[in-house]
Amino acid sequence: MKEAILAGVVPFLLLLSPGALAHDLVWPGEKLKAMFPQAESFEQKNLYISDEQRARIEKMAGVPLPEEDLKPSLYLAVVRSAPGAPPRKAAAMLFIDAQGEGGKIEMGVVVNGKGELERIHLFENRESEKVTRSSFLKQFEGKKTSDPFKTGVDITAPAGQEKATQAIASGAKRGLLIINELFKRK
């Protein structure tokens, strides 16, 4: 009897584990298309961050990586330069969570082939609409891992949105660092 109960309870508990809340439980096709609309398809890569990679990322980010970031699912945008041309990978994408004033901010980070931040896209969040405007988000385009990603230094916050802005900036940098570390781009 106890074995039967455990057999039913253990899978349920596994569903409640932090890893079960990861972004890749369902194919995020609509979100990927929103992040990189010109892609004809996407490839998913489920990767692991080694202890050495983690140490490098944390040193550059200046903060510990959350456990959920240690087994990232990266998505590669596949494009063609012309009809009939061979497909090529144009960008790597990753979903990152940041903690803003209003709670969790789910964001998509897009990194181009040069290892630069191409764009970020905010999905779930309870922050002011000021931080969802394209005029605000554009300032992240072209950022490199060596950039500070600091509110008041190289990132301008909308009035009253300093905490949310720094959360978004930190999440964007973390995503950029993870992608570049996994693909060895500095």
C-alpha atoms as a PDB file:
ATOM      1  CA  MET A   1       0.000   0.000   0.000  1.00  0.00           C
ATOM      2  CA  LYS A   2       2.789   2.446   0.931  1.00  0.00           C
ATOM      3  CA  GLU A   3       4.579   1.660  -2.342  1.00  0.00           C
ATOM      4  CA  ALA A   4       1.442   2.465  -4.325  1.00  0.00           C
ATOM      5  CA  ILE A   5       1.017   5.778  -2.530  1.00  0.00           C
ATOM      6  CA  LEU A   6       4.684   6.666  -3.030  1.00  0.00           C
ATOM      7  CA  ALA A   7       4.470   5.709  -6.694  1.00  0.00           C
ATOM      8  CA  GLY A   8       1.704   8.273  -7.110  1.00  0.00           C
ATOM      9  CA  VAL A   9       3.153  10.966  -4.853  1.00  0.00           C
ATOM     10  CA  VAL A  10       6.764  11.008  -6.103  1.00  0.00           C
ATOM     11  CA  PRO A  11       5.922  11.964  -9.716  1.00  0.00           C
ATOM     12  CA  PHE A  12       3.592  14.660  -8.390  1.00  0.00           C
ATOM     13  CA  LEU A  13       6.328  16.068  -6.141  1.00  0.00           C
ATOM     14  CA  LEU A  14       8.723  16.085  -9.067  1.00  0.00           C
ATOM     15  CA  LEU A  15       6.250  18.250 -10.953  1.00  0.00           C
ATOM     16  CA  LEU A  16       6.377  20.743  -8.105  1.00  0.00           C
ATOM     17  CA  SER A  17      10.177  20.928  -8.053  1.00  0.00           C
ATOM     18  CA  PRO A  18      11.840  24.196  -9.143  1.00  0.00           C
ATOM     19  CA  GLY A  19      13.050  22.560 -12.350  1.00  0.00           C
ATOM     20  CA  ALA A  20       9.455  21.830 -13.282  1.00  0.00           C
ATOM     21  CA  LEU A  21       8.802  25.544 -13.504  1.00  0.00           C
ATOM     22  CA  ALA A  22      11.347  25.951 -16.298  1.00  0.00           C
ATOM     23  CA  HIS A  23      10.425  27.777 -19.472  1.00  0.00           C
ATOM     24  CA  ASP A  24      10.779  24.780 -21.774  1.00  0.00           C
ATOM     25  CA  LEU A  25       7.936  22.545 -20.561  1.00  0.00           C
ATOM     26  CA  VAL A  26       5.868  23.587 -23.584  1.00  0.00           C
ATOM     27  CA  TRP A  27       7.266  24.525 -26.989  1.00  0.00           C
ATOM     28  CA  PRO A  28       7.431  28.349 -26.888  1.00  0.00           C
ATOM     29  CA  GLY A  29       6.854  28.820 -30.621  1.00  0.00           C
ATOM     30  CA  GLU A  30       4.772  31.994 -30.351  1.00  0.00           C
ATOM     31  CA  LYS A  31       7.268  33.629 -28.003  1.00  0.00           C
ATOM     32  CA  LEU A  32      10.196  32.651 -30.234  1.00  0.00           C
ATOM     33  CA  LYS A  33       8.429  34.101 -33.271  1.00  0.00           C
ATOM     34  CA  ALA A  34       7.818  37.330 -31.343  1.00  0.00           C
ATOM     35  CA  MET A  35      11.524  37.489 -30.477  1.00  0.00           C
ATOM     36  CA  PHE A  36      12.815  36.687 -33.976  1.00  0.00           C
ATOM     37  CA  PRO A  37       9.979  37.050 -36.527  1.00  0.00           C
ATOM     38  CA  GLN A  38      12.167  36.544 -39.618  1.00  0.00           C
ATOM     39  CA  ALA A  39      13.134  32.983 -38.594  1.00  0.00           C
ATOM     40  CA  GLU A  40      11.685  30.160 -40.652  1.00  0.00           C
ATOM     41  CA  SER A  41      12.258  27.690 -37.813  1.00  0.00           C
ATOM     42  CA  PHE A  42      13.949  27.249 -34.444  1.00  0.00           C
ATOM     43  CA  GLU A  43      16.247  24.576 -33.025  1.00  0.00           C
ATOM     44  CA  GLN A  44      16.279  23.822 -29.313  1.00  0.00           C
ATOM     45  CA  LYS A  45      19.497  22.973 -27.459  1.00  0.00           C
ATOM     46  CA  ASN A  46      19.234  21.759 -23.874  1.00  0.00           C
ATOM     47  CA  LEU A  47      22.591  22.491 -22.279  1.00  0.00           C
ATOM     48  CA  TYR A  48      24.348  22.354 -18.929  1.00  0.00           C
ATOM     49  CA  ILE A  49      26.560  24.969 -17.345  1.00  0.00           C
ATOM     50  CA  SER A  50      29.697  23.449 -15.835  1.00  0.00           C
ATOM     51  CA  ASP A  51      31.134  24.613 -12.516  1.00  0.00           C
ATOM     52  CA  GLU A  52      33.904  26.446 -14.399  1.00  0.00           C
ATOM     53  CA  GLN A  53      31.413  28.165 -16.705  1.00  0.00           C
ATOM     54  CA  ARG A  54      29.240  29.068 -13.732  1.00  0.00           C
ATOM     55  CA  ALA A  55      32.208  30.668 -11.965  1.00  0.00           C
ATOM     56  CA  ARG A  56      33.066  32.744 -15.058  1.00  0.00           C
ATOM     57  CA  ILE A  57      29.464  33.876 -15.576  1.00  0.00           C
ATOM     58  CA  GLU A  58      28.973  34.748 -11.916  1.00  0.00           C
ATOM     59  CA  LYS A  59      32.231  36.721 -11.848  1.00  0.00           C
ATOM     60  CA  MET A  60      31.182  38.786 -14.880  1.00  0.00           C
ATOM     61  CA  ALA A  61      27.570  39.168 -13.694  1.00  0.00           C
ATOM     62  CA  GLY A  62      28.591  40.021 -10.147  1.00  0.00           C
ATOM     63  CA  VAL A  63      25.809  37.833  -8.738  1.00  0.00           C
ATOM     64  CA  PRO A  64      25.203  34.096  -8.228  1.00  0.00           C
ATOM     65  CA  LEU A  65      23.312  32.306 -10.987  1.00  0.00           C
ATOM     66  CA  PRO A  66      19.873  31.023 -10.007  1.00  0.00           C
ATOM     67  CA  GLU A  67      19.577  27.224 -10.128  1.00  0.00           C
ATOM     68  CA  GLU A  68      17.112  27.475 -13.030  1.00  0.00           C
ATOM     69  CA  ASP A  69      19.849  29.033 -15.199  1.00  0.00           C
ATOM     70  CA  LEU A  70      22.204  26.049 -14.806  1.00  0.00           C
ATOM     71  CA  LYS A  71      20.312  23.876 -17.329  1.00  0.00           C
ATOM     72  CA  PRO A  72      19.274  26.378 -19.969  1.00  0.00           C
ATOM     73  CA  SER A  73      17.296  25.654 -23.090  1.00  0.00           C
ATOM     74  CA  LEU A  74      18.716  27.755 -25.896  1.00  0.00           C
ATOM     75  CA  TYR A  75      16.886  28.289 -29.159  1.00  0.00           C
ATOM     76  CA  LEU A  76      18.636  28.957 -32.447  1.00  0.00           C
ATOM     77  CA  ALA A  77      16.811  31.018 -35.073  1.00  0.00           C
ATOM     78  CA  VAL A  78      17.156  29.453 -38.513  1.00  0.00           C
ATOM     79  CA  VAL A  79      16.921  31.774 -41.535  1.00  0.00           C
ATOM     80  CA  ARG A  80      17.640  31.724 -45.271  1.00  0.00           C
ATOM     81  CA  SER A  81      19.211  34.663 -47.071  1.00  0.00           C
ATOM     82  CA  ALA A  82      17.087  33.907 -50.158  1.00  0.00           C
ATOM     83  CA  PRO A  83      14.580  31.281 -51.279  1.00  0.00           C
ATOM     84  CA  GLY A  84      16.481  28.080 -52.012  1.00  0.00           C
ATOM     85  CA  ALA A  85      19.570  29.262 -50.079  1.00  0.00           C
ATOM     86  CA  PRO A  86      20.919  26.937 -47.418  1.00  0.00           C
ATOM     87  CA  PRO A  87      19.580  27.521 -43.898  1.00  0.00           C
ATOM     88  CA  ARG A  88      21.849  29.199 -41.356  1.00  0.00           C
ATOM     89  CA  LYS A  89      21.617  30.040 -37.675  1.00  0.00           C
ATOM     90  CA  ALA A  90      21.169  33.774 -37.217  1.00  0.00           C
ATOM     91  CA  ALA A  91      20.754  34.178 -33.456  1.00  0.00           C
ATOM     92  CA  ALA A  92      20.625  32.364 -30.129  1.00  0.00           C
ATOM     93  CA  MET A  93      17.756  32.972 -27.725  1.00  0.00           C
ATOM     94  CA  LEU A  94      17.174  32.239 -24.075  1.00  0.00           C
ATOM     95  CA  PHE A  95      14.355  32.850 -21.608  1.00  0.00           C
ATOM     96  CA  ILE A  96      15.427  34.451 -18.326  1.00  0.00           C
ATOM     97  CA  ASP A  97      13.500  35.389 -15.205  1.00  0.00           C
ATOM     98  CA  ALA A  98      14.291  38.532 -13.258  1.00  0.00           C
ATOM     99  CA  GLN A  99      12.700  39.810 -10.059  1.00  0.00           C
ATOM    100  CA  GLY A 100      11.197  43.268 -10.393  1.00  0.00           C
ATOM    101  CA  GLU A 101       9.230  45.406  -8.004  1.00  0.00           C
ATOM    102  CA  GLY A 102       5.973  43.819  -9.189  1.00  0.00           C
ATOM    103  CA  GLY A 103       7.295  40.240  -9.103  1.00  0.00           C
ATOM    104  CA  LYS A 104       8.682  37.921 -11.756  1.00  0.00           C
ATOM    105  CA  ILE A 105       9.661  39.371 -15.109  1.00  0.00           C
ATOM    106  CA  GLU A 106       9.925  36.732 -17.832  1.00  0.00           C
ATOM    107  CA  MET A 107      12.105  37.945 -20.651  1.00  0.00           C
ATOM    108  CA  GLY A 108      13.536  36.653 -23.875  1.00  0.00           C
ATOM    109  CA  VAL A 109      17.136  37.519 -24.726  1.00  0.00           C
ATOM    110  CA  VAL A 110      18.290  37.448 -28.364  1.00  0.00           C
ATOM    111  CA  VAL A 111      22.041  37.356 -29.099  1.00  0.00           C
ATOM    112  CA  ASN A 112      23.384  37.777 -32.632  1.00  0.00           C
ATOM    113  CA  GLY A 113      26.296  35.928 -34.259  1.00  0.00           C
ATOM    114  CA  LYS A 114      28.766  38.562 -33.029  1.00  0.00           C
ATOM    115  CA  GLY A 115      27.853  37.789 -29.424  1.00  0.00           C
ATOM    116  CA  GLU A 116      26.009  41.094 -28.963  1.00  0.00           C
ATOM    117  CA  LEU A 117      22.589  41.588 -27.481  1.00  0.00           C
ATOM    118  CA  GLU A 118      20.278  42.003 -30.442  1.00  0.00           C
ATOM    119  CA  ARG A 119      17.114  42.630 -28.480  1.00  0.00           C
ATOM    120  CA  ILE A 120      15.150  41.714 -25.410  1.00  0.00           C
ATOM    121  CA  HIS A 121      11.458  40.990 -25.240  1.00  0.00           C
ATOM    122  CA  LEU A 122       9.365  41.118 -22.058  1.00  0.00           C
ATOM    123  CA  PHE A 123       6.652  38.533 -21.646  1.00  0.00           C
ATOM    124  CA  GLU A 124       5.123  38.006 -18.205  1.00  0.00           C
ATOM    125  CA  ASN A 125       5.546  40.969 -15.892  1.00  0.00           C
ATOM    126  CA  ARG A 126       3.613  43.253 -13.583  1.00  0.00           C
ATOM    127  CA  GLU A 127       5.824  46.273 -14.054  1.00  0.00           C
ATOM    128  CA  SER A 128       4.796  49.633 -15.425  1.00  0.00           C
ATOM    129  CA  GLU A 129       4.119  49.796 -19.143  1.00  0.00           C
ATOM    130  CA  LYS A 130       6.984  52.307 -19.248  1.00  0.00           C
ATOM    131  CA  VAL A 131       9.503  49.432 -19.208  1.00  0.00           C
ATOM    132  CA  THR A 132       7.701  47.531 -21.963  1.00  0.00           C
ATOM    133  CA  ARG A 133       7.918  50.352 -24.496  1.00  0.00           C
ATOM    134  CA  SER A 134      10.202  49.833 -27.462  1.00  0.00           C
ATOM    135  CA  SER A 135      11.847  53.211 -26.773  1.00  0.00           C
ATOM    136  CA  PHE A 136      13.036  51.824 -23.420  1.00  0.00           C
ATOM    137  CA  LEU A 137      13.970  48.332 -24.650  1.00  0.00           C
ATOM    138  CA  LYS A 138      15.974  49.660 -27.650  1.00  0.00           C
ATOM    139  CA  GLN A 139      18.754  50.845 -25.354  1.00  0.00           C
ATOM    140  CA  PHE A 140      19.777  47.220 -24.767  1.00  0.00           C
ATOM    141  CA  GLU A 141      20.429  46.574 -28.470  1.00  0.00           C
ATOM    142  CA  GLY A 142      24.112  46.136 -29.314  1.00  0.00           C
ATOM    143  CA  LYS A 143      25.225  45.685 -25.700  1.00  0.00           C
ATOM    144  CA  LYS A 144      28.259  43.469 -25.094  1.00  0.00           C
ATOM    145  CA  THR A 145      29.239  41.390 -22.082  1.00  0.00           C
ATOM    146  CA  SER A 146      31.797  44.062 -21.154  1.00  0.00           C
ATOM    147  CA  ASP A 147      29.072  46.728 -20.801  1.00  0.00           C
ATOM    148  CA  PRO A 148      28.014  47.537 -17.204  1.00  0.00           C
ATOM    149  CA  PHE A 149      24.214  47.115 -17.640  1.00  0.00           C
ATOM    150  CA  LYS A 150      23.735  49.572 -14.747  1.00  0.00           C
ATOM    151  CA  THR A 151      20.817  51.929 -14.269  1.00  0.00           C
ATOM    152  CA  GLY A 152      22.151  55.476 -14.320  1.00  0.00           C
ATOM    153  CA  VAL A 153      25.414  54.418 -15.997  1.00  0.00           C
ATOM    154  CA  ASP A 154      24.570  52.956 -19.399  1.00  0.00           C
ATOM    155  CA  ILE A 155      20.860  52.234 -18.912  1.00  0.00           C
ATOM    156  CA  THR A 156      18.284  55.000 -18.473  1.00  0.00           C
ATOM    157  CA  ALA A 157      15.289  54.153 -16.310  1.00  0.00           C
ATOM    158  CA  PRO A 158      11.847  55.622 -16.887  1.00  0.00           C
ATOM    159  CA  ALA A 159      10.825  57.854 -13.963  1.00  0.00           C
ATOM    160  CA  GLY A 160      10.019  55.773 -10.897  1.00  0.00           C
ATOM    161  CA  GLN A 161      11.067  52.508 -12.548  1.00  0.00           C
ATOM    162  CA  GLU A 162      14.656  52.207 -11.328  1.00  0.00           C
ATOM    163  CA  LYS A 163      14.218  48.824  -9.595  1.00  0.00           C
ATOM    164  CA  ALA A 164      12.366  47.262 -12.547  1.00  0.00           C
ATOM    165  CA  THR A 165      14.924  48.727 -14.954  1.00  0.00           C
ATOM    166  CA  GLN A 166      17.852  47.247 -13.014  1.00  0.00           C
ATOM    167  CA  ALA A 167      16.088  43.869 -12.811  1.00  0.00           C
ATOM    168  CA  ILE A 168      15.608  43.881 -16.591  1.00  0.00           C
ATOM    169  CA  ALA A 169      19.201  45.017 -17.172  1.00  0.00           C
ATOM    170  CA  SER A 170      20.596  42.322 -14.864  1.00  0.00           C
ATOM    171  CA  GLY A 171      18.466  39.633 -16.514  1.00  0.00           C
ATOM    172  CA  ALA A 172      19.533  40.770 -19.978  1.00  0.00           C
ATOM    173  CA  LYS A 173      23.208  40.682 -19.007  1.00  0.00           C
ATOM    174  CA  ARG A 174      22.825  37.241 -17.398  1.00  0.00           C
ATOM    175  CA  GLY A 175      21.224  35.889 -20.573  1.00  0.00           C
ATOM    176  CA  LEU A 176      23.935  37.444 -22.747  1.00  0.00           C
ATOM    177  CA  LEU A 177      26.680  36.004 -20.515  1.00  0.00           C
ATOM    178  CA  ILE A 178      25.126  32.525 -20.524  1.00  0.00           C
ATOM    179  CA  ILE A 179      24.750  32.411 -24.302  1.00  0.00           C
ATOM    180  CA  ASN A 180      28.246  33.757 -24.905  1.00  0.00           C
ATOM    181  CA  GLU A 181      29.797  31.366 -22.389  1.00  0.00           C
ATOM    182  CA  LEU A 182      28.028  28.366 -23.889  1.00  0.00           C
ATOM    183  CA  PHE A 183      29.069  29.390 -27.392  1.00  0.00           C
ATOM    184  CA  LYS A 184      32.495  30.718 -26.267  1.00  0.00           C
ATOM    185  CA  ARG A 185      31.923  34.313 -27.355  1.00  0.00           C
ATOM    186  CA  LYS A 186      33.393  36.988 -25.157  1.00  0.00           C
END
